[in-house]
Protein backbone atom coordinates (compact mmCIF):
# COMPACT_ATOMS: atom_id res chain seq x y z
CA MET A 1 8.88 -22.20 13.74
CA GLU A 2 10.29 -18.71 14.17
CA LYS A 3 10.61 -17.77 10.51
CA VAL A 4 8.00 -18.85 7.98
CA TYR A 5 7.26 -17.84 4.39
CA ASP A 6 5.05 -18.93 1.52
CA VAL A 7 4.25 -17.95 -2.04
CA ALA A 8 0.65 -18.69 -2.93
CA PRO A 9 -2.36 -17.42 -4.89
CA THR A 10 -4.75 -15.01 -3.20
CA PHE A 11 -8.35 -14.36 -4.20
CA ARG A 12 -10.32 -11.13 -3.99
CA ALA A 13 -14.03 -11.34 -3.20
CA GLU A 14 -14.76 -7.84 -4.48
CA ARG A 15 -15.75 -6.16 -7.71
CA SER A 16 -12.44 -4.48 -8.44
CA LYS A 17 -12.00 -3.84 -12.14
CA THR A 18 -9.05 -1.51 -12.48
CA SER A 19 -5.57 -1.52 -14.00
CA ARG A 20 -4.21 -2.35 -10.52
CA HIS A 21 -6.43 -5.26 -9.50
CA LEU A 22 -6.64 -8.95 -10.29
CA THR A 23 -9.29 -11.33 -9.01
CA GLU A 24 -6.48 -13.82 -8.35
CA PHE A 25 -2.96 -12.65 -7.61
CA TRP A 26 0.18 -14.08 -6.03
CA MET A 27 1.35 -13.13 -2.57
CA ALA A 28 4.82 -13.71 -1.14
CA GLU A 29 4.24 -13.78 2.61
CA MET A 30 6.48 -13.92 5.65
CA GLU A 31 5.94 -14.28 9.40
CA VAL A 32 8.61 -13.89 12.04
CA ALA A 33 8.62 -14.48 15.79
CA TRP A 34 9.76 -12.00 18.44
CA GLU A 35 9.54 -8.97 16.13
CA GLY A 36 7.13 -6.02 16.11
CA TYR A 37 5.61 -4.29 13.11
CA ARG A 38 8.27 -1.59 12.99
CA GLU A 39 11.00 -4.22 12.69
CA VAL A 40 9.30 -6.03 9.81
CA THR A 41 8.84 -2.78 7.88
CA GLU A 42 12.63 -2.65 7.71
CA ILE A 43 12.77 -6.28 6.59
CA GLY A 44 10.27 -5.37 3.87
CA LYS A 45 12.49 -2.53 2.67
CA GLU A 46 15.47 -4.88 2.55
CA GLU A 47 13.48 -7.47 0.60
CA ILE A 48 12.31 -5.05 -2.09
CA LYS A 49 15.82 -3.59 -2.39
CA PHE A 50 17.18 -7.11 -2.82
CA ILE A 51 14.65 -7.78 -5.59
CA ILE A 52 15.59 -4.53 -7.37
CA ASN A 53 19.29 -5.39 -7.13
CA GLU A 54 18.77 -8.86 -8.56
CA VAL A 55 16.59 -7.61 -11.42
CA LEU A 56 19.08 -4.88 -12.32
CA LYS A 57 21.91 -7.40 -12.21
CA ASN A 58 20.21 -10.10 -14.29
CA ASN A 59 17.51 -8.46 -16.39
CA LYS A 60 18.63 -5.05 -17.65
CA PRO A 61 18.00 -5.93 -21.33
CA GLU A 62 14.42 -6.88 -20.51
CA LEU A 63 13.90 -3.69 -18.49
CA GLU A 64 15.23 -1.62 -21.38
CA PHE A 65 12.92 -3.43 -23.82
CA LEU A 66 9.92 -2.72 -21.58
CA GLY A 67 10.83 0.95 -21.23
CA SER A 68 11.54 0.78 -17.51
CA ASN A 69 13.36 3.74 -15.95
CA ILE A 70 16.55 1.95 -14.94
CA LYS A 71 18.22 5.13 -13.70
CA ASN A 72 15.35 5.74 -11.27
CA LEU A 73 15.57 2.18 -9.94
CA GLU A 74 19.33 2.50 -9.43
CA GLU A 75 18.94 5.83 -7.63
CA THR A 76 16.16 4.39 -5.48
CA LEU A 77 18.64 1.95 -3.98
CA ASP A 78 20.93 4.78 -2.86
CA LYS A 79 18.25 6.81 -1.09
CA PRO A 80 16.63 6.30 2.32
CA TRP A 81 13.07 4.92 2.21
CA PRO A 82 10.99 6.97 4.66
CA THR A 83 8.42 5.74 7.16
CA ILE A 84 5.55 8.04 8.17
CA THR A 85 2.31 7.59 10.08
CA TYR A 86 -1.17 7.65 8.57
CA THR A 87 -1.79 10.91 10.46
CA GLU A 88 1.34 12.46 8.95
CA ALA A 89 0.22 11.26 5.50
CA LEU A 90 -3.07 13.15 5.90
CA ASP A 91 -1.14 16.26 6.91
CA ILE A 92 1.05 16.01 3.79
CA LEU A 93 -1.99 15.56 1.56
CA SER A 94 -3.67 18.56 3.13
CA LYS A 95 -0.70 20.94 3.05
CA LYS A 96 1.00 19.87 -0.19
CA SER A 97 -1.83 18.51 -2.34
CA GLY A 98 -4.83 20.45 -1.05
CA ILE A 99 -6.71 17.23 -0.24
CA ASP A 100 -8.48 17.17 3.12
CA ILE A 101 -9.43 13.71 4.37
CA THR A 102 -11.42 13.04 7.52
CA TRP A 103 -9.21 11.19 10.01
CA GLY A 104 -10.35 7.59 10.13
CA LYS A 105 -11.01 7.06 6.43
CA ASP A 106 -8.83 4.69 4.45
CA LEU A 107 -6.55 6.02 1.72
CA ARG A 108 -8.00 5.34 -1.71
CA THR A 109 -5.99 4.95 -4.90
CA ILE A 110 -6.29 8.64 -5.73
CA GLU A 111 -4.96 9.70 -2.31
CA GLU A 112 -2.10 7.20 -2.47
CA ASP A 113 -1.12 8.54 -5.89
CA LYS A 114 -1.19 12.14 -4.68
CA LEU A 115 0.83 11.24 -1.60
CA MET A 116 3.49 9.51 -3.69
CA GLU A 117 3.95 12.61 -5.82
CA HIS A 118 6.01 13.91 -2.89
CA PHE A 119 8.30 10.85 -2.65
CA GLU A 120 10.87 9.43 -5.08
CA THR A 121 11.27 6.06 -3.34
CA PRO A 122 8.88 3.52 -1.86
CA LEU A 123 7.17 4.87 1.26
CA VAL A 124 6.04 3.01 4.36
CA VAL A 125 2.88 4.28 6.06
CA ILE A 126 2.24 2.96 9.57
CA GLN A 127 -0.50 3.21 12.19
CA TYR A 128 -3.71 3.22 10.17
CA PRO A 129 -6.93 3.74 12.18
CA LYS A 130 -7.91 0.58 14.03
CA GLU A 131 -11.56 0.93 12.93
CA ILE A 132 -10.67 0.22 9.29
CA MET A 133 -8.20 -2.58 9.99
CA ALA A 134 -8.68 -6.35 10.33
CA PHE A 135 -9.56 -7.78 13.74
CA TYR A 136 -6.13 -9.39 14.29
CA LYS A 137 -4.17 -6.12 14.18
CA PRO A 138 -3.52 -4.85 17.74
CA ILE A 139 -3.82 -1.26 18.91
CA GLU A 140 -0.68 0.87 19.20
CA GLU A 141 -1.02 2.29 22.69
CA ASP A 142 1.67 4.98 22.43
CA ALA A 143 0.63 6.56 19.13
CA ASP A 144 0.25 10.31 18.71
CA ALA A 145 -3.06 10.25 16.84
CA PRO A 146 -6.64 11.54 17.18
CA GLY A 147 -7.98 8.01 17.64
CA PRO A 148 -6.95 4.36 18.12
CA VAL A 149 -4.48 3.12 15.52
CA ALA A 150 -3.23 -0.35 14.69
CA ARG A 151 0.29 -1.72 14.66
CA CYS A 152 0.26 -2.11 10.91
CA PHE A 153 1.78 -0.75 7.72
CA ASP A 154 1.56 -0.48 3.95
CA MET A 155 4.44 0.09 1.56
CA LEU A 156 3.55 2.28 -1.41
CA ALA A 157 5.54 2.30 -4.65
CA PRO A 158 6.31 5.54 -6.52
CA SER A 159 5.06 6.47 -9.98
CA GLY A 160 1.45 5.55 -9.26
CA TYR A 161 1.86 1.82 -8.62
CA GLY A 162 0.24 1.88 -5.18
CA GLU A 163 0.53 -0.63 -2.36
CA ILE A 164 3.11 -3.35 -2.86
CA ILE A 165 3.32 -4.65 0.74
CA GLY A 166 0.76 -4.86 3.53
CA GLY A 167 1.58 -6.13 7.00
CA SER A 168 1.16 -5.85 10.73
CA GLU A 169 1.95 -7.15 14.16
CA ARG A 170 -0.52 -9.85 15.24
CA ASP A 171 -2.69 -9.49 18.32
CA THR A 172 -1.94 -12.14 20.96
CA ASP A 173 -4.70 -11.06 23.41
CA ILE A 174 -7.61 -13.47 22.95
CA LYS A 175 -10.07 -11.21 24.78
CA LYS A 176 -9.30 -8.26 22.50
CA LEU A 177 -9.56 -10.50 19.45
CA ILE A 178 -13.03 -11.65 20.52
CA GLU A 179 -14.07 -8.04 21.21
CA SER A 180 -12.93 -6.99 17.72
CA LEU A 181 -14.80 -9.87 16.07
CA GLU A 182 -17.98 -9.10 17.98
CA LYS A 183 -17.68 -5.42 17.10
CA GLU A 184 -17.50 -6.37 13.42
CA GLY A 185 -20.62 -8.52 13.80
CA GLU A 186 -18.80 -11.79 13.22
CA ASN A 187 -19.81 -15.17 14.65
CA VAL A 188 -16.92 -15.78 17.03
CA THR A 189 -17.36 -19.57 16.93
CA ASN A 190 -16.32 -19.51 13.28
CA TYR A 191 -12.90 -18.38 14.47
CA ASP A 192 -12.33 -20.99 17.19
CA TRP A 193 -9.52 -22.56 15.19
CA TYR A 194 -7.75 -19.19 15.04
CA LEU A 195 -8.40 -18.33 18.68
CA ASP A 196 -6.85 -21.66 19.69
CA LEU A 197 -3.53 -20.24 18.50
CA ARG A 198 -3.85 -17.69 21.31
CA ARG A 199 -5.76 -19.83 23.81
CA TYR A 200 -2.88 -22.25 24.22
CA GLY A 201 -0.12 -19.70 24.27
CA SER A 202 1.42 -17.29 21.78
CA ILE A 203 4.35 -14.94 21.45
CA LYS A 204 4.92 -11.58 19.81
CA HIS A 205 5.07 -11.99 16.03
CA SER A 206 4.58 -9.95 12.87
CA GLY A 207 4.43 -10.46 9.14
CA TYR A 208 3.52 -9.08 5.74
CA GLY A 209 2.58 -9.99 2.20
CA VAL A 210 4.26 -8.76 -0.98
CA GLY A 211 1.97 -8.34 -3.98
CA VAL A 212 4.11 -10.06 -6.60
CA GLU A 213 2.32 -8.65 -9.65
CA ARG A 214 2.33 -5.14 -8.16
CA VAL A 215 6.11 -5.27 -7.77
CA ILE A 216 6.55 -6.64 -11.29
CA SER A 217 4.31 -3.90 -12.70
CA TRP A 218 6.34 -1.19 -10.98
CA LEU A 219 9.76 -2.56 -11.96
CA CYS A 220 8.70 -3.17 -15.56
CA ASN A 221 6.82 0.11 -15.96
CA LEU A 222 3.62 -1.69 -17.03
CA ASP A 223 0.41 0.21 -17.73
CA ASN A 224 -1.84 -2.64 -16.59
CA ILE A 225 -1.28 -5.27 -13.90
CA LYS A 226 -2.89 -7.86 -16.19
CA ASP A 227 0.33 -7.78 -18.24
CA SER A 228 2.35 -8.94 -15.23
CA ILE A 229 0.91 -12.47 -15.12
CA PRO A 230 0.53 -15.08 -17.90
CA PHE A 231 -3.13 -15.90 -17.28
CA PRO A 232 -4.86 -12.99 -15.50
CA ARG A 233 -8.01 -13.84 -13.57
CA THR A 234 -10.70 -11.16 -13.69
CA LEU A 235 -14.40 -10.84 -12.82
CA THR A 236 -15.30 -12.46 -16.12
CA ARG A 237 -12.29 -14.71 -16.79
CA PHE A 238 -11.44 -17.71 -14.63
CA SER A 239 -10.14 -20.07 -17.30
CA PRO A 240 -7.51 -20.88 -18.42
C-alpha cells in the first residue's frame, strides 16, 4: 500500500489547558511510499491550499458570519509558502524579535507566535534537533546545523494559530531505531511489533498529520479551539 490515509481521534496524555489544546482532537493523517520529508511538506502545502479553496468556494457566508478575514485567505493562496530550517527560525527570532533561544530547545507557543509575526502565509519549519524528536525520525546527515537534526517538519499557521501539521520521514534502520529507544530509556521489547516492520524489510516513506480543529480555528478566526468541535474533551470533561 503506497498511499494510505486515515481520519481518527487522537488523545493527549498531558496537562495542556490552553485555548489551543484539546485532550481529544481529530487528526487527518497520510503516509506515502518512496517520498522523503521534503516532498511531503509540499504535499502538505497543496492539501491546506485545497482546503482553503473549497471553504472559500462553498462557505463564504459562514466565514463572513464568523468574522474570518476572507481577503487574507484569498491572498494566502496567491503567495509562496516558505520553508525554513529550525536553525534559520532561531536566527530570525534573534535578529527580528530579540528572542535568543539555545539551539536544541523546542519552540514553544510564544516563540512560534513571534516567528509567525514575520510571515503572512503558513510556514514550514524543517530539521528540528534530533534530541527533542520521536525515536522514529531519522537524522538528516547533510544538514547545516550545530547538532544532529531530524528529517521532520511542522507547518505553522499565521495569526497566532500555531502548528497545524506535523510530519517526518520514517527511519528504516532497525539498529538506529533500537539505539534511539534505548537512549530514551524505553523497554525495546515493547516495540517488537513496530521493529518487525523494519526487520522484514522496509522502504523509504514519509507522512504527516493535520490537526483538523487547528485548521478550522484558523480558517474561522476562532478565539478558542474548543469552539471548533461539537463536544470538546478537556482535562475535566470526557462526557458527552
